[in-house]
Amino acid sequence: MRIVVQDRRTNAYLTGEAKWIRQVDAARRFNTSLEALRFCVARELKNMDVLVCYSGAKSNLRLPLC
């Protein structure tokens, strides 16, 4: 399982260096969805989604953030 943050407007993923990229494989991984949420709130990031990606799954769980 992989938990990442995605910008809803650009579909880019957050990296460990706080940059944005298109490849989910290079995205920063969070240990929990709560950790990802706290990260976004602390940095006042808007229009973000937390994605919970399961290996082998046809789709991901998308948790929209305000």
PDB file of N, CA and C in Angstrom:
ATOM      1  N   MET A   1       0.848  -1.181   0.000  1.00  0.00           N
ATOM      2  CA  MET A   1       0.000   0.000   0.000  1.00  0.00           C
ATOM      3  C   MET A   1       0.887   1.235   0.000  1.00  0.00           C
ATOM      4  N   ARG A   2       0.460   2.232  -0.740  1.00  0.00           N
ATOM      5  CA  ARG A   2       1.194   3.492  -0.861  1.00  0.00           C
ATOM      6  C   ARG A   2       0.218   4.633  -0.611  1.00  0.00           C
ATOM      7  N   ILE A   3       0.627   5.601   0.197  1.00  0.00           N
ATOM      8  CA  ILE A   3      -0.202   6.775   0.480  1.00  0.00           C
ATOM      9  C   ILE A   3       0.547   7.998  -0.006  1.00  0.00           C
ATOM     10  N   VAL A   4      -0.091   8.741  -0.926  1.00  0.00           N
ATOM     11  CA  VAL A   4       0.547   9.912  -1.537  1.00  0.00           C
ATOM     12  C   VAL A   4      -0.436  11.072  -1.562  1.00  0.00           C
ATOM     13  N   VAL A   5       0.090  12.271  -1.849  1.00  0.00           N
ATOM     14  CA  VAL A   5      -0.733  13.478  -1.985  1.00  0.00           C
ATOM     15  C   VAL A   5      -0.705  13.902  -3.446  1.00  0.00           C
ATOM     16  N   GLN A   6      -1.896  14.212  -3.981  1.00  0.00           N
ATOM     17  CA  GLN A   6      -2.010  14.625  -5.372  1.00  0.00           C
ATOM     18  C   GLN A   6      -2.734  15.970  -5.450  1.00  0.00           C
ATOM     19  N   ASP A   7      -2.215  16.854  -6.281  1.00  0.00           N
ATOM     20  CA  ASP A   7      -2.856  18.138  -6.542  1.00  0.00           C
ATOM     21  C   ASP A   7      -4.041  17.884  -7.476  1.00  0.00           C
ATOM     22  N   ARG A   8      -5.220  18.225  -7.033  1.00  0.00           N
ATOM     23  CA  ARG A   8      -6.442  17.953  -7.794  1.00  0.00           C
ATOM     24  C   ARG A   8      -6.495  18.722  -9.116  1.00  0.00           C
ATOM     25  N   ARG A   9      -5.905  19.909  -9.174  1.00  0.00           N
ATOM     26  CA  ARG A   9      -5.971  20.729 -10.384  1.00  0.00           C
ATOM     27  C   ARG A   9      -5.005  20.271 -11.462  1.00  0.00           C
ATOM     28  N   THR A  10      -3.807  19.846 -11.054  1.00  0.00           N
ATOM     29  CA  THR A  10      -2.773  19.496 -12.030  1.00  0.00           C
ATOM     30  C   THR A  10      -2.540  17.992 -12.144  1.00  0.00           C
ATOM     31  N   ASN A  11      -3.072  17.220 -11.192  1.00  0.00           N
ATOM     32  CA  ASN A  11      -2.847  15.768 -11.098  1.00  0.00           C
ATOM     33  C   ASN A  11      -1.396  15.405 -10.796  1.00  0.00           C
ATOM     34  N   ALA A  12      -0.591  16.380 -10.386  1.00  0.00           N
ATOM     35  CA  ALA A  12       0.805  16.123 -10.021  1.00  0.00           C
ATOM     36  C   ALA A  12       0.866  15.580  -8.592  1.00  0.00           C
ATOM     37  N   TYR A  13       1.942  14.845  -8.306  1.00  0.00           N
ATOM     38  CA  TYR A  13       2.147  14.228  -6.991  1.00  0.00           C
ATOM     39  C   TYR A  13       3.251  14.943  -6.239  1.00  0.00           C
ATOM     40  N   LEU A  14       3.093  15.026  -4.934  1.00  0.00           N
ATOM     41  CA  LEU A  14       4.086  15.654  -4.066  1.00  0.00           C
ATOM     42  C   LEU A  14       5.304  14.750  -3.914  1.00  0.00           C
ATOM     43  N   THR A  15       6.497  15.331  -4.014  1.00  0.00           N
ATOM     44  CA  THR A  15       7.726  14.574  -3.793  1.00  0.00           C
ATOM     45  C   THR A  15       8.247  14.843  -2.380  1.00  0.00           C
ATOM     46  N   GLY A  16       9.292  14.138  -2.006  1.00  0.00           N
ATOM     47  CA  GLY A  16       9.925  14.337  -0.710  1.00  0.00           C
ATOM     48  C   GLY A  16      10.586  15.689  -0.579  1.00  0.00           C
ATOM     49  N   GLU A  17      10.897  16.320  -1.714  1.00  0.00           N
ATOM     50  CA  GLU A  17      11.538  17.642  -1.705  1.00  0.00           C
ATOM     51  C   GLU A  17      10.515  18.767  -1.808  1.00  0.00           C
ATOM     52  N   ALA A  18       9.244  18.452  -1.605  1.00  0.00           N
ATOM     53  CA  ALA A  18       8.141  19.416  -1.694  1.00  0.00           C
ATOM     54  C   ALA A  18       8.036  20.016  -3.088  1.00  0.00           C
ATOM     55  N   LYS A  19       8.306  19.212  -4.096  1.00  0.00           N
ATOM     56  CA  LYS A  19       8.112  19.602  -5.487  1.00  0.00           C
ATOM     57  C   LYS A  19       6.976  18.743  -6.038  1.00  0.00           C
ATOM     58  N   TRP A  20       6.579  19.006  -7.251  1.00  0.00           N
ATOM     59  CA  TRP A  20       5.464  18.289  -7.860  1.00  0.00           C
ATOM     60  C   TRP A  20       5.931  17.583  -9.124  1.00  0.00           C
ATOM     61  N   ILE A  21       5.504  16.336  -9.281  1.00  0.00           N
ATOM     62  CA  ILE A  21       5.901  15.521 -10.427  1.00  0.00           C
ATOM     63  C   ILE A  21       4.688  14.760 -10.958  1.00  0.00           C
ATOM     64  N   ARG A  22       4.828  14.181 -12.135  1.00  0.00           N
ATOM     65  CA  ARG A  22       3.732  13.435 -12.763  1.00  0.00           C
ATOM     66  C   ARG A  22       3.767  11.939 -12.455  1.00  0.00           C
ATOM     67  N   GLN A  23       4.907  11.407 -12.018  1.00  0.00           N
ATOM     68  CA  GLN A  23       5.061   9.972 -11.802  1.00  0.00           C
ATOM     69  C   GLN A  23       4.748   9.603 -10.349  1.00  0.00           C
ATOM     70  N   VAL A  24       3.726   8.792 -10.165  1.00  0.00           N
ATOM     71  CA  VAL A  24       3.344   8.392  -8.814  1.00  0.00           C
ATOM     72  C   VAL A  24       4.443   7.553  -8.153  1.00  0.00           C
ATOM     73  N   ASP A  25       5.235   6.845  -8.945  1.00  0.00           N
ATOM     74  CA  ASP A  25       6.296   6.003  -8.369  1.00  0.00           C
ATOM     75  C   ASP A  25       7.365   6.817  -7.648  1.00  0.00           C
ATOM     76  N   ALA A  26       7.547   8.073  -8.031  1.00  0.00           N
ATOM     77  CA  ALA A  26       8.551   8.927  -7.403  1.00  0.00           C
ATOM     78  C   ALA A  26       7.953   9.851  -6.343  1.00  0.00           C
ATOM     79  N   ALA A  27       6.666   9.705  -6.071  1.00  0.00           N
ATOM     80  CA  ALA A  27       5.992  10.566  -5.098  1.00  0.00           C
ATOM     81  C   ALA A  27       6.408  10.229  -3.670  1.00  0.00           C
ATOM     82  N   ARG A  28       6.315  11.224  -2.822  1.00  0.00           N
ATOM     83  CA  ARG A  28       6.588  11.013  -1.395  1.00  0.00           C
ATOM     84  C   ARG A  28       5.546  10.066  -0.825  1.00  0.00           C
ATOM     85  N   ARG A  29       5.992   9.105  -0.060  1.00  0.00           N
ATOM     86  CA  ARG A  29       5.084   8.147   0.588  1.00  0.00           C
ATOM     87  C   ARG A  29       4.904   8.519   2.051  1.00  0.00           C
ATOM     88  N   PHE A  30       3.665   8.495   2.481  1.00  0.00           N
ATOM     89  CA  PHE A  30       3.333   8.747   3.884  1.00  0.00           C
ATOM     90  C   PHE A  30       3.002   7.418   4.541  1.00  0.00           C
ATOM     91  N   ASN A  31       3.271   7.308   5.832  1.00  0.00           N
ATOM     92  CA  ASN A  31       2.990   6.069   6.558  1.00  0.00           C
ATOM     93  C   ASN A  31       1.504   5.846   6.780  1.00  0.00           C
ATOM     94  N   THR A  32       0.761   6.944   6.985  1.00  0.00           N
ATOM     95  CA  THR A  32      -0.684   6.849   7.209  1.00  0.00           C
ATOM     96  C   THR A  32      -1.382   7.991   6.476  1.00  0.00           C
ATOM     97  N   SER A  33      -2.669   7.825   6.254  1.00  0.00           N
ATOM     98  CA  SER A  33      -3.440   8.906   5.628  1.00  0.00           C
ATOM     99  C   SER A  33      -3.542  10.100   6.581  1.00  0.00           C
ATOM    100  N   LEU A  34      -3.547   9.857   7.878  1.00  0.00           N
ATOM    101  CA  LEU A  34      -3.571  10.950   8.849  1.00  0.00           C
ATOM    102  C   LEU A  34      -2.293  11.775   8.767  1.00  0.00           C
ATOM    103  N   GLU A  35      -1.165  11.122   8.580  1.00  0.00           N
ATOM    104  CA  GLU A  35       0.100  11.846   8.414  1.00  0.00           C
ATOM    105  C   GLU A  35       0.050  12.731   7.164  1.00  0.00           C
ATOM    106  N   ALA A  36      -0.500  12.228   6.081  1.00  0.00           N
ATOM    107  CA  ALA A  36      -0.624  13.005   4.844  1.00  0.00           C
ATOM    108  C   ALA A  36      -1.560  14.198   5.056  1.00  0.00           C
ATOM    109  N   LEU A  37      -2.664  13.965   5.750  1.00  0.00           N
ATOM    110  CA  LEU A  37      -3.608  15.040   6.047  1.00  0.00           C
ATOM    111  C   LEU A  37      -2.952  16.128   6.887  1.00  0.00           C
ATOM    112  N   ARG A  38      -2.261  15.728   7.927  1.00  0.00           N
ATOM    113  CA  ARG A  38      -1.579  16.713   8.795  1.00  0.00           C
ATOM    114  C   ARG A  38      -0.537  17.505   8.021  1.00  0.00           C
ATOM    115  N   PHE A  39       0.174  16.852   7.126  1.00  0.00           N
ATOM    116  CA  PHE A  39       1.169  17.522   6.290  1.00  0.00           C
ATOM    117  C   PHE A  39       0.503  18.633   5.471  1.00  0.00           C
ATOM    118  N   CYS A  40      -0.617  18.312   4.830  1.00  0.00           N
ATOM    119  CA  CYS A  40      -1.317  19.286   3.987  1.00  0.00           C
ATOM    120  C   CYS A  40      -1.889  20.439   4.810  1.00  0.00           C
ATOM    121  N   VAL A  41      -2.454  20.131   5.955  1.00  0.00           N
ATOM    122  CA  VAL A  41      -3.028  21.169   6.813  1.00  0.00           C
ATOM    123  C   VAL A  41      -1.936  22.095   7.343  1.00  0.00           C
ATOM    124  N   ALA A  42      -0.818  21.546   7.773  1.00  0.00           N
ATOM    125  CA  ALA A  42       0.276  22.353   8.324  1.00  0.00           C
ATOM    126  C   ALA A  42       0.850  23.314   7.289  1.00  0.00           C
ATOM    127  N   ARG A  43       0.786  22.930   6.019  1.00  0.00           N
ATOM    128  CA  ARG A  43       1.330  23.767   4.940  1.00  0.00           C
ATOM    129  C   ARG A  43       0.250  24.525   4.180  1.00  0.00           C
ATOM    130  N   GLU A  44      -0.970  24.438   4.697  1.00  0.00           N
ATOM    131  CA  GLU A  44      -2.121  25.124   4.111  1.00  0.00           C
ATOM    132  C   GLU A  44      -2.282  24.822   2.618  1.00  0.00           C
ATOM    133  N   LEU A  45      -2.073  23.562   2.250  1.00  0.00           N
ATOM    134  CA  LEU A  45      -2.243  23.142   0.861  1.00  0.00           C
ATOM    135  C   LEU A  45      -3.733  22.977   0.566  1.00  0.00           C
ATOM    136  N   LYS A  46      -4.183  23.520  -0.526  1.00  0.00           N
ATOM    137  CA  LYS A  46      -5.592  23.465  -0.917  1.00  0.00           C
ATOM    138  C   LYS A  46      -5.748  22.606  -2.169  1.00  0.00           C
ATOM    139  N   ASN A  47      -6.952  22.126  -2.397  1.00  0.00           N
ATOM    140  CA  ASN A  47      -7.284  21.328  -3.588  1.00  0.00           C
ATOM    141  C   ASN A  47      -6.406  20.082  -3.717  1.00  0.00           C
ATOM    142  N   MET A  48      -6.189  19.423  -2.602  1.00  0.00           N
ATOM    143  CA  MET A  48      -5.375  18.213  -2.577  1.00  0.00           C
ATOM    144  C   MET A  48      -6.244  16.990  -2.344  1.00  0.00           C
ATOM    145  N   ASP A  49      -5.759  15.864  -2.817  1.00  0.00           N
ATOM    146  CA  ASP A  49      -6.360  14.567  -2.521  1.00  0.00           C
ATOM    147  C   ASP A  49      -5.289  13.681  -1.910  1.00  0.00           C
ATOM    148  N   VAL A  50      -5.674  12.908  -0.917  1.00  0.00           N
ATOM    149  CA  VAL A  50      -4.807  11.855  -0.399  1.00  0.00           C
ATOM    150  C   VAL A  50      -5.223  10.582  -1.136  1.00  0.00           C
ATOM    151  N   LEU A  51      -4.266   9.941  -1.782  1.00  0.00           N
ATOM    152  CA  LEU A  51      -4.544   8.701  -2.501  1.00  0.00           C
ATOM    153  C   LEU A  51      -3.959   7.532  -1.733  1.00  0.00           C
ATOM    154  N   VAL A  52      -4.790   6.529  -1.507  1.00  0.00           N
ATOM    155  CA  VAL A  52      -4.330   5.276  -0.930  1.00  0.00           C
ATOM    156  C   VAL A  52      -4.303   4.281  -2.084  1.00  0.00           C
ATOM    157  N   CYS A  53      -3.100   3.909  -2.487  1.00  0.00           N
ATOM    158  CA  CYS A  53      -2.904   3.055  -3.661  1.00  0.00           C
ATOM    159  C   CYS A  53      -2.578   1.637  -3.199  1.00  0.00           C
ATOM    160  N   TYR A  54      -3.379   0.709  -3.631  1.00  0.00           N
ATOM    161  CA  TYR A  54      -3.166  -0.703  -3.307  1.00  0.00           C
ATOM    162  C   TYR A  54      -2.541  -1.385  -4.509  1.00  0.00           C
ATOM    163  N   SER A  55      -1.484  -2.139  -4.301  1.00  0.00           N
ATOM    164  CA  SER A  55      -0.843  -2.829  -5.420  1.00  0.00           C
ATOM    165  C   SER A  55      -1.801  -3.866  -5.998  1.00  0.00           C
ATOM    166  N   GLY A  56      -1.873  -3.874  -7.316  1.00  0.00           N
ATOM    167  CA  GLY A  56      -2.736  -4.817  -7.999  1.00  0.00           C
ATOM    168  C   GLY A  56      -4.191  -4.399  -8.084  1.00  0.00           C
ATOM    169  N   ALA A  57      -4.558  -3.291  -7.462  1.00  0.00           N
ATOM    170  CA  ALA A  57      -5.948  -2.830  -7.496  1.00  0.00           C
ATOM    171  C   ALA A  57      -6.230  -2.096  -8.800  1.00  0.00           C
ATOM    172  N   LYS A  58      -7.476  -2.151  -9.242  1.00  0.00           N
ATOM    173  CA  LYS A  58      -7.869  -1.457 -10.469  1.00  0.00           C
ATOM    174  C   LYS A  58      -8.055   0.040 -10.258  1.00  0.00           C
ATOM    175  N   SER A  59      -8.308   0.436  -9.019  1.00  0.00           N
ATOM    176  CA  SER A  59      -8.460   1.852  -8.712  1.00  0.00           C
ATOM    177  C   SER A  59      -7.931   2.129  -7.312  1.00  0.00           C
ATOM    178  N   ASN A  60      -7.747   3.416  -7.013  1.00  0.00           N
ATOM    179  CA  ASN A  60      -7.214   3.847  -5.732  1.00  0.00           C
ATOM    180  C   ASN A  60      -8.317   4.481  -4.895  1.00  0.00           C
ATOM    181  N   LEU A  61      -8.120   4.498  -3.588  1.00  0.00           N
ATOM    182  CA  LEU A  61      -9.021   5.191  -2.696  1.00  0.00           C
ATOM    183  C   LEU A  61      -8.599   6.655  -2.670  1.00  0.00           C
ATOM    184  N   ARG A  62      -9.515   7.553  -3.031  1.00  0.00           N
ATOM    185  CA  ARG A  62      -9.230   8.992  -3.109  1.00  0.00           C
ATOM    186  C   ARG A  62      -9.954   9.682  -1.970  1.00  0.00           C
ATOM    187  N   LEU A  63      -9.190  10.394  -1.121  1.00  0.00           N
ATOM    188  CA  LEU A  63      -9.747  11.134  -0.001  1.00  0.00           C
ATOM    189  C   LEU A  63      -9.572  12.622  -0.289  1.00  0.00           C
ATOM    190  N   PRO A  64     -10.617  13.308  -0.745  1.00  0.00           N
ATOM    191  CA  PRO A  64     -10.484  14.725  -1.070  1.00  0.00           C
ATOM    192  C   PRO A  64     -10.305  15.580   0.178  1.00  0.00           C
ATOM    193  N   LEU A  65      -9.407  16.543   0.082  1.00  0.00           N
ATOM    194  CA  LEU A  65      -9.184  17.509   1.147  1.00  0.00           C
ATOM    195  C   LEU A  65      -9.690  18.859   0.666  1.00  0.00           C
ATOM    196  N   CYS A  66     -10.236  19.641   1.569  1.00  0.00           N
ATOM    197  CA  CYS A  66     -10.750  20.969   1.193  1.00  0.00           C
ATOM    198  C   CYS A  66      -9.621  21.923   0.922  1.00  0.00           C
TER     199      CYS A  66
END
